[in-house]
Amino acid sequence: MRLLHTMLRVGNLERSLDFYTQVLGMTLLRRQDYPDGKFTLAFVGYQPESEGAVLELTHNWGVESYELGTAYGHIALEVPNAYQACDDIRARGGRVVREAGPMKHGTTVIAFVEDPDGYKVELIQRG
């Protein structure tokens, strides 16, 4: 078995695609409309689906927002420098909600950004 993707429901697909591709630097891997079901699926990631897990952005036509709930946590991305990543993301119009710095009770440098629907993305500095 291997992890294929994580699905996020999004209220505005174009806005979300812009965030994940332009702000976080992912690639749109595939996109398909399903008119009979009134939804669109778009898959984004840093490598082809055959090589690693990706995100599935699901847009249900006519739905503009979702309750995120209290069980959802975040998506985590490895970055070489969390401080620089925050600066870069902010410069591309992204929203940093926790500046880079050591995590509580530890030394790992982390930061958090938020996508247009309010999903949190953790940046974890490695290297």
N, C-alpha and C. Protein backbone atom coordinates (compact mmCIF):
# COMPACT_ATOMS: atom_id res chain seq x y z
N MET A 1 0.84 -1.19 0.00
CA MET A 1 0.00 0.00 0.00
C MET A 1 0.88 1.24 0.00
N ARG A 2 0.31 2.33 -0.52
CA ARG A 2 0.99 3.62 -0.45
C ARG A 2 -0.07 4.71 -0.43
N LEU A 3 0.27 5.82 0.18
CA LEU A 3 -0.62 6.96 0.26
C LEU A 3 -0.71 7.61 -1.12
N LEU A 4 -1.93 7.80 -1.64
CA LEU A 4 -2.11 8.39 -2.96
C LEU A 4 -2.37 9.89 -2.92
N HIS A 5 -3.38 10.30 -2.14
CA HIS A 5 -3.70 11.72 -2.08
C HIS A 5 -4.51 12.03 -0.83
N THR A 6 -4.59 13.32 -0.55
CA THR A 6 -5.48 13.86 0.47
C THR A 6 -6.47 14.76 -0.24
N MET A 7 -7.76 14.63 0.07
CA MET A 7 -8.78 15.41 -0.60
C MET A 7 -9.22 16.58 0.29
N LEU A 8 -9.28 17.75 -0.31
CA LEU A 8 -9.80 18.95 0.36
C LEU A 8 -10.95 19.49 -0.47
N ARG A 9 -12.06 19.79 0.18
CA ARG A 9 -13.18 20.44 -0.52
C ARG A 9 -12.91 21.95 -0.53
N VAL A 10 -13.03 22.55 -1.68
CA VAL A 10 -12.73 23.98 -1.82
C VAL A 10 -13.94 24.72 -2.37
N GLY A 11 -14.10 25.96 -1.93
CA GLY A 11 -15.24 26.78 -2.33
C GLY A 11 -15.06 27.48 -3.66
N ASN A 12 -13.83 27.76 -4.05
CA ASN A 12 -13.54 28.45 -5.30
C ASN A 12 -12.30 27.79 -5.89
N LEU A 13 -12.49 26.95 -6.87
CA LEU A 13 -11.40 26.14 -7.40
C LEU A 13 -10.28 26.99 -7.99
N GLU A 14 -10.62 28.02 -8.75
CA GLU A 14 -9.57 28.84 -9.37
C GLU A 14 -8.71 29.52 -8.31
N ARG A 15 -9.34 30.04 -7.27
CA ARG A 15 -8.60 30.68 -6.17
C ARG A 15 -7.69 29.67 -5.49
N SER A 16 -8.18 28.47 -5.25
CA SER A 16 -7.38 27.44 -4.60
C SER A 16 -6.24 26.97 -5.50
N LEU A 17 -6.52 26.79 -6.79
CA LEU A 17 -5.45 26.41 -7.71
C LEU A 17 -4.36 27.48 -7.76
N ASP A 18 -4.76 28.74 -7.75
CA ASP A 18 -3.78 29.82 -7.74
C ASP A 18 -2.90 29.74 -6.49
N PHE A 19 -3.51 29.48 -5.33
CA PHE A 19 -2.75 29.38 -4.09
C PHE A 19 -1.76 28.22 -4.15
N TYR A 20 -2.24 27.04 -4.48
CA TYR A 20 -1.36 25.87 -4.44
C TYR A 20 -0.31 25.87 -5.54
N THR A 21 -0.60 26.46 -6.70
CA THR A 21 0.40 26.49 -7.77
C THR A 21 1.28 27.73 -7.72
N GLN A 22 0.66 28.91 -7.58
CA GLN A 22 1.45 30.15 -7.62
C GLN A 22 2.11 30.49 -6.29
N VAL A 23 1.43 30.25 -5.18
CA VAL A 23 1.98 30.62 -3.86
C VAL A 23 2.86 29.51 -3.30
N LEU A 24 2.40 28.25 -3.38
CA LEU A 24 3.17 27.14 -2.82
C LEU A 24 4.02 26.40 -3.86
N GLY A 25 3.87 26.73 -5.14
CA GLY A 25 4.75 26.17 -6.17
C GLY A 25 4.44 24.75 -6.62
N MET A 26 3.24 24.26 -6.36
CA MET A 26 2.85 22.94 -6.85
C MET A 26 2.49 23.03 -8.32
N THR A 27 2.34 21.88 -8.95
CA THR A 27 1.95 21.79 -10.35
C THR A 27 0.55 21.20 -10.43
N LEU A 28 -0.27 21.75 -11.32
CA LEU A 28 -1.56 21.14 -11.61
C LEU A 28 -1.29 19.89 -12.43
N LEU A 29 -1.59 18.74 -11.87
CA LEU A 29 -1.28 17.46 -12.51
C LEU A 29 -2.41 16.98 -13.43
N ARG A 30 -3.63 17.19 -13.00
CA ARG A 30 -4.79 16.85 -13.83
C ARG A 30 -6.03 17.50 -13.26
N ARG A 31 -6.99 17.68 -14.14
CA ARG A 31 -8.25 18.34 -13.76
C ARG A 31 -9.36 17.77 -14.63
N GLN A 32 -10.51 17.49 -14.00
CA GLN A 32 -11.63 16.97 -14.78
C GLN A 32 -12.95 17.43 -14.18
N ASP A 33 -13.83 17.89 -15.07
CA ASP A 33 -15.20 18.24 -14.68
C ASP A 33 -16.07 16.99 -14.78
N TYR A 34 -17.02 16.89 -13.87
CA TYR A 34 -18.01 15.81 -13.86
C TYR A 34 -19.39 16.46 -13.87
N PRO A 35 -19.88 16.85 -15.07
CA PRO A 35 -21.15 17.59 -15.17
C PRO A 35 -22.34 16.86 -14.57
N ASP A 36 -22.41 15.55 -14.73
CA ASP A 36 -23.55 14.82 -14.18
C ASP A 36 -23.56 14.88 -12.65
N GLY A 37 -22.39 14.88 -12.04
CA GLY A 37 -22.29 14.95 -10.58
C GLY A 37 -22.15 16.37 -10.06
N LYS A 38 -21.97 17.33 -10.98
CA LYS A 38 -21.82 18.75 -10.65
C LYS A 38 -20.63 18.99 -9.71
N PHE A 39 -19.46 18.44 -10.10
CA PHE A 39 -18.24 18.70 -9.35
C PHE A 39 -17.04 18.63 -10.28
N THR A 40 -15.93 19.21 -9.81
CA THR A 40 -14.66 19.19 -10.53
C THR A 40 -13.60 18.69 -9.57
N LEU A 41 -12.70 17.85 -10.08
CA LEU A 41 -11.54 17.39 -9.32
C LEU A 41 -10.29 17.95 -9.97
N ALA A 42 -9.39 18.47 -9.15
CA ALA A 42 -8.09 18.94 -9.62
C ALA A 42 -7.03 18.37 -8.69
N PHE A 43 -6.00 17.78 -9.27
CA PHE A 43 -4.93 17.18 -8.49
C PHE A 43 -3.67 18.03 -8.64
N VAL A 44 -3.07 18.40 -7.50
CA VAL A 44 -1.86 19.22 -7.50
C VAL A 44 -0.79 18.53 -6.65
N GLY A 45 0.47 18.81 -6.98
CA GLY A 45 1.56 18.23 -6.20
C GLY A 45 2.90 18.71 -6.68
N TYR A 46 3.93 18.17 -6.03
CA TYR A 46 5.31 18.53 -6.38
C TYR A 46 5.96 17.50 -7.30
N GLN A 47 5.33 16.35 -7.47
CA GLN A 47 5.84 15.33 -8.37
C GLN A 47 4.65 14.58 -8.95
N PRO A 48 4.88 13.79 -9.99
CA PRO A 48 3.77 13.02 -10.56
C PRO A 48 3.13 12.11 -9.51
N GLU A 49 1.86 11.81 -9.71
CA GLU A 49 1.12 10.96 -8.77
C GLU A 49 1.78 9.59 -8.63
N SER A 50 2.45 9.13 -9.65
CA SER A 50 3.11 7.82 -9.59
C SER A 50 4.31 7.83 -8.66
N GLU A 51 4.80 9.02 -8.30
CA GLU A 51 6.01 9.14 -7.49
C GLU A 51 5.76 9.57 -6.06
N GLY A 52 4.58 10.08 -5.74
CA GLY A 52 4.33 10.52 -4.37
C GLY A 52 2.91 11.00 -4.19
N ALA A 53 2.56 11.23 -2.93
CA ALA A 53 1.21 11.68 -2.59
C ALA A 53 0.97 13.10 -3.10
N VAL A 54 -0.28 13.39 -3.44
CA VAL A 54 -0.67 14.70 -3.97
C VAL A 54 -1.94 15.15 -3.24
N LEU A 55 -2.40 16.36 -3.57
CA LEU A 55 -3.66 16.87 -3.04
C LEU A 55 -4.73 16.81 -4.12
N GLU A 56 -5.90 16.35 -3.73
CA GLU A 56 -7.07 16.38 -4.60
C GLU A 56 -7.95 17.53 -4.12
N LEU A 57 -8.13 18.53 -4.96
CA LEU A 57 -9.00 19.65 -4.65
C LEU A 57 -10.36 19.36 -5.29
N THR A 58 -11.39 19.24 -4.47
CA THR A 58 -12.73 18.92 -4.95
C THR A 58 -13.61 20.14 -4.85
N HIS A 59 -14.16 20.55 -5.99
CA HIS A 59 -15.08 21.68 -6.00
C HIS A 59 -16.45 21.18 -6.37
N ASN A 60 -17.37 21.22 -5.41
CA ASN A 60 -18.77 20.89 -5.67
C ASN A 60 -19.46 22.15 -6.16
N TRP A 61 -19.95 22.11 -7.38
CA TRP A 61 -20.52 23.30 -8.01
C TRP A 61 -21.64 23.86 -7.16
N GLY A 62 -21.60 25.17 -6.94
CA GLY A 62 -22.63 25.86 -6.18
C GLY A 62 -22.36 25.93 -4.69
N VAL A 63 -21.28 25.30 -4.22
CA VAL A 63 -20.92 25.35 -2.80
C VAL A 63 -19.73 26.28 -2.66
N GLU A 64 -19.89 27.37 -1.90
CA GLU A 64 -18.84 28.37 -1.80
C GLU A 64 -17.98 28.26 -0.56
N SER A 65 -18.42 27.51 0.47
CA SER A 65 -17.59 27.37 1.67
C SER A 65 -18.01 26.13 2.44
N TYR A 66 -17.13 25.69 3.32
CA TYR A 66 -17.34 24.50 4.13
C TYR A 66 -16.96 24.79 5.57
N GLU A 67 -17.58 24.07 6.48
CA GLU A 67 -17.14 24.08 7.87
C GLU A 67 -15.93 23.15 7.94
N LEU A 68 -14.84 23.63 8.50
CA LEU A 68 -13.63 22.81 8.53
C LEU A 68 -13.67 21.76 9.62
N GLY A 69 -14.46 21.97 10.66
CA GLY A 69 -14.53 20.99 11.73
C GLY A 69 -13.36 21.09 12.68
N THR A 70 -13.42 20.32 13.73
CA THR A 70 -12.36 20.37 14.74
C THR A 70 -11.41 19.18 14.66
N ALA A 71 -11.69 18.21 13.81
CA ALA A 71 -10.81 17.04 13.71
C ALA A 71 -9.66 17.26 12.74
N TYR A 72 -9.86 18.09 11.73
CA TYR A 72 -8.82 18.33 10.74
C TYR A 72 -7.66 19.08 11.37
N GLY A 73 -6.44 18.69 11.02
CA GLY A 73 -5.26 19.36 11.53
C GLY A 73 -4.62 20.25 10.48
N HIS A 74 -3.73 19.67 9.68
CA HIS A 74 -3.02 20.47 8.68
C HIS A 74 -2.32 19.56 7.68
N ILE A 75 -1.86 20.17 6.60
CA ILE A 75 -0.98 19.55 5.63
C ILE A 75 0.43 19.99 6.01
N ALA A 76 1.42 19.13 5.88
CA ALA A 76 2.79 19.51 6.21
C ALA A 76 3.67 19.44 4.96
N LEU A 77 4.48 20.48 4.79
CA LEU A 77 5.44 20.53 3.68
C LEU A 77 6.84 20.70 4.24
N GLU A 78 7.78 19.96 3.70
CA GLU A 78 9.19 20.14 4.06
C GLU A 78 9.76 21.30 3.26
N VAL A 79 10.47 22.20 3.93
CA VAL A 79 11.14 23.32 3.28
C VAL A 79 12.57 23.40 3.78
N PRO A 80 13.50 23.89 2.95
CA PRO A 80 14.89 24.00 3.41
C PRO A 80 15.08 25.12 4.44
N ASN A 81 14.26 26.19 4.34
CA ASN A 81 14.40 27.33 5.24
C ASN A 81 13.01 27.92 5.47
N ALA A 82 12.45 27.70 6.64
CA ALA A 82 11.07 28.15 6.93
C ALA A 82 10.96 29.67 6.94
N TYR A 83 12.00 30.37 7.39
CA TYR A 83 11.97 31.83 7.42
C TYR A 83 11.87 32.38 6.00
N GLN A 84 12.71 31.85 5.10
CA GLN A 84 12.68 32.29 3.70
C GLN A 84 11.39 31.89 3.03
N ALA A 85 10.88 30.69 3.34
CA ALA A 85 9.62 30.23 2.75
C ALA A 85 8.49 31.17 3.13
N CYS A 86 8.44 31.63 4.38
CA CYS A 86 7.41 32.59 4.80
C CYS A 86 7.51 33.88 4.00
N ASP A 87 8.73 34.38 3.85
CA ASP A 87 8.93 35.61 3.08
C ASP A 87 8.47 35.42 1.63
N ASP A 88 8.83 34.29 1.03
CA ASP A 88 8.46 34.02 -0.36
C ASP A 88 6.95 33.88 -0.52
N ILE A 89 6.33 33.15 0.40
CA ILE A 89 4.87 32.95 0.34
C ILE A 89 4.14 34.27 0.52
N ARG A 90 4.59 35.07 1.47
CA ARG A 90 3.98 36.38 1.70
C ARG A 90 4.13 37.27 0.45
N ALA A 91 5.29 37.23 -0.19
CA ALA A 91 5.54 38.05 -1.38
C ALA A 91 4.64 37.62 -2.54
N ARG A 92 4.22 36.36 -2.55
CA ARG A 92 3.34 35.86 -3.62
C ARG A 92 1.87 35.97 -3.23
N GLY A 93 1.58 36.67 -2.13
CA GLY A 93 0.20 36.92 -1.74
C GLY A 93 -0.38 35.93 -0.75
N GLY A 94 0.43 35.02 -0.24
CA GLY A 94 -0.04 34.05 0.74
C GLY A 94 -0.14 34.65 2.13
N ARG A 95 -0.89 33.99 3.00
CA ARG A 95 -1.13 34.47 4.36
C ARG A 95 -0.37 33.59 5.37
N VAL A 96 0.62 34.16 6.03
CA VAL A 96 1.36 33.47 7.08
C VAL A 96 0.61 33.70 8.39
N VAL A 97 0.21 32.60 9.05
CA VAL A 97 -0.56 32.73 10.28
C VAL A 97 0.26 32.38 11.53
N ARG A 98 1.42 31.81 11.33
CA ARG A 98 2.38 31.57 12.43
C ARG A 98 3.76 31.71 11.82
N GLU A 99 4.47 32.75 12.24
CA GLU A 99 5.79 33.01 11.68
C GLU A 99 6.75 31.88 12.01
N ALA A 100 7.78 31.75 11.21
CA ALA A 100 8.79 30.71 11.42
C ALA A 100 9.49 30.88 12.75
N GLY A 101 9.71 29.77 13.41
CA GLY A 101 10.43 29.76 14.68
C GLY A 101 10.35 28.37 15.28
N PRO A 102 11.08 28.14 16.35
CA PRO A 102 11.07 26.81 16.98
C PRO A 102 9.67 26.45 17.48
N MET A 103 9.33 25.18 17.34
CA MET A 103 8.04 24.72 17.85
C MET A 103 8.07 24.72 19.36
N LYS A 104 6.88 24.81 19.98
CA LYS A 104 6.80 24.77 21.43
C LYS A 104 7.37 23.45 21.93
N HIS A 105 8.13 23.51 22.97
CA HIS A 105 8.70 22.33 23.63
C HIS A 105 9.63 21.55 22.71
N GLY A 106 10.24 22.21 21.73
CA GLY A 106 11.16 21.53 20.83
C GLY A 106 12.05 22.52 20.12
N THR A 107 12.83 22.01 19.18
CA THR A 107 13.77 22.87 18.47
C THR A 107 13.50 22.93 16.96
N THR A 108 12.63 22.08 16.46
CA THR A 108 12.32 22.08 15.02
C THR A 108 11.69 23.41 14.65
N VAL A 109 12.20 24.02 13.58
CA VAL A 109 11.68 25.30 13.10
C VAL A 109 10.48 25.01 12.19
N ILE A 110 9.34 25.63 12.55
CA ILE A 110 8.11 25.45 11.80
C ILE A 110 7.45 26.80 11.56
N ALA A 111 6.48 26.81 10.67
CA ALA A 111 5.63 27.98 10.41
C ALA A 111 4.31 27.43 9.88
N PHE A 112 3.30 28.28 9.86
CA PHE A 112 2.01 27.89 9.29
C PHE A 112 1.52 28.97 8.35
N VAL A 113 0.96 28.54 7.22
CA VAL A 113 0.28 29.43 6.29
C VAL A 113 -1.15 28.90 6.15
N GLU A 114 -2.01 29.72 5.58
CA GLU A 114 -3.42 29.34 5.44
C GLU A 114 -3.83 29.48 4.00
N ASP A 115 -4.55 28.48 3.49
CA ASP A 115 -5.01 28.57 2.11
C ASP A 115 -6.30 29.39 2.06
N PRO A 116 -6.83 29.66 0.87
CA PRO A 116 -8.02 30.53 0.76
C PRO A 116 -9.26 30.01 1.47
N ASP A 117 -9.34 28.71 1.72
CA ASP A 117 -10.50 28.14 2.40
C ASP A 117 -10.28 28.01 3.91
N GLY A 118 -9.11 28.40 4.39
CA GLY A 118 -8.83 28.33 5.82
C GLY A 118 -8.07 27.08 6.25
N TYR A 119 -7.71 26.21 5.30
CA TYR A 119 -6.91 25.03 5.65
C TYR A 119 -5.51 25.48 6.02
N LYS A 120 -4.96 24.89 7.07
CA LYS A 120 -3.60 25.22 7.51
C LYS A 120 -2.59 24.33 6.79
N VAL A 121 -1.46 24.94 6.45
CA VAL A 121 -0.33 24.24 5.85
C VAL A 121 0.89 24.54 6.71
N GLU A 122 1.46 23.49 7.28
CA GLU A 122 2.66 23.64 8.12
C GLU A 122 3.90 23.55 7.25
N LEU A 123 4.83 24.42 7.51
CA LEU A 123 6.13 24.40 6.85
C LEU A 123 7.13 23.88 7.89
N ILE A 124 7.82 22.79 7.59
CA ILE A 124 8.77 22.20 8.51
C ILE A 124 10.16 22.32 7.91
N GLN A 125 11.05 23.01 8.61
CA GLN A 125 12.39 23.23 8.11
C GLN A 125 13.22 21.97 8.30
N ARG A 126 13.81 21.51 7.22
CA ARG A 126 14.71 20.34 7.25
C ARG A 126 16.02 20.76 6.61
N GLY A 127 17.07 20.18 7.06
CA GLY A 127 18.33 20.44 6.38
C GLY A 127 19.45 20.83 7.25
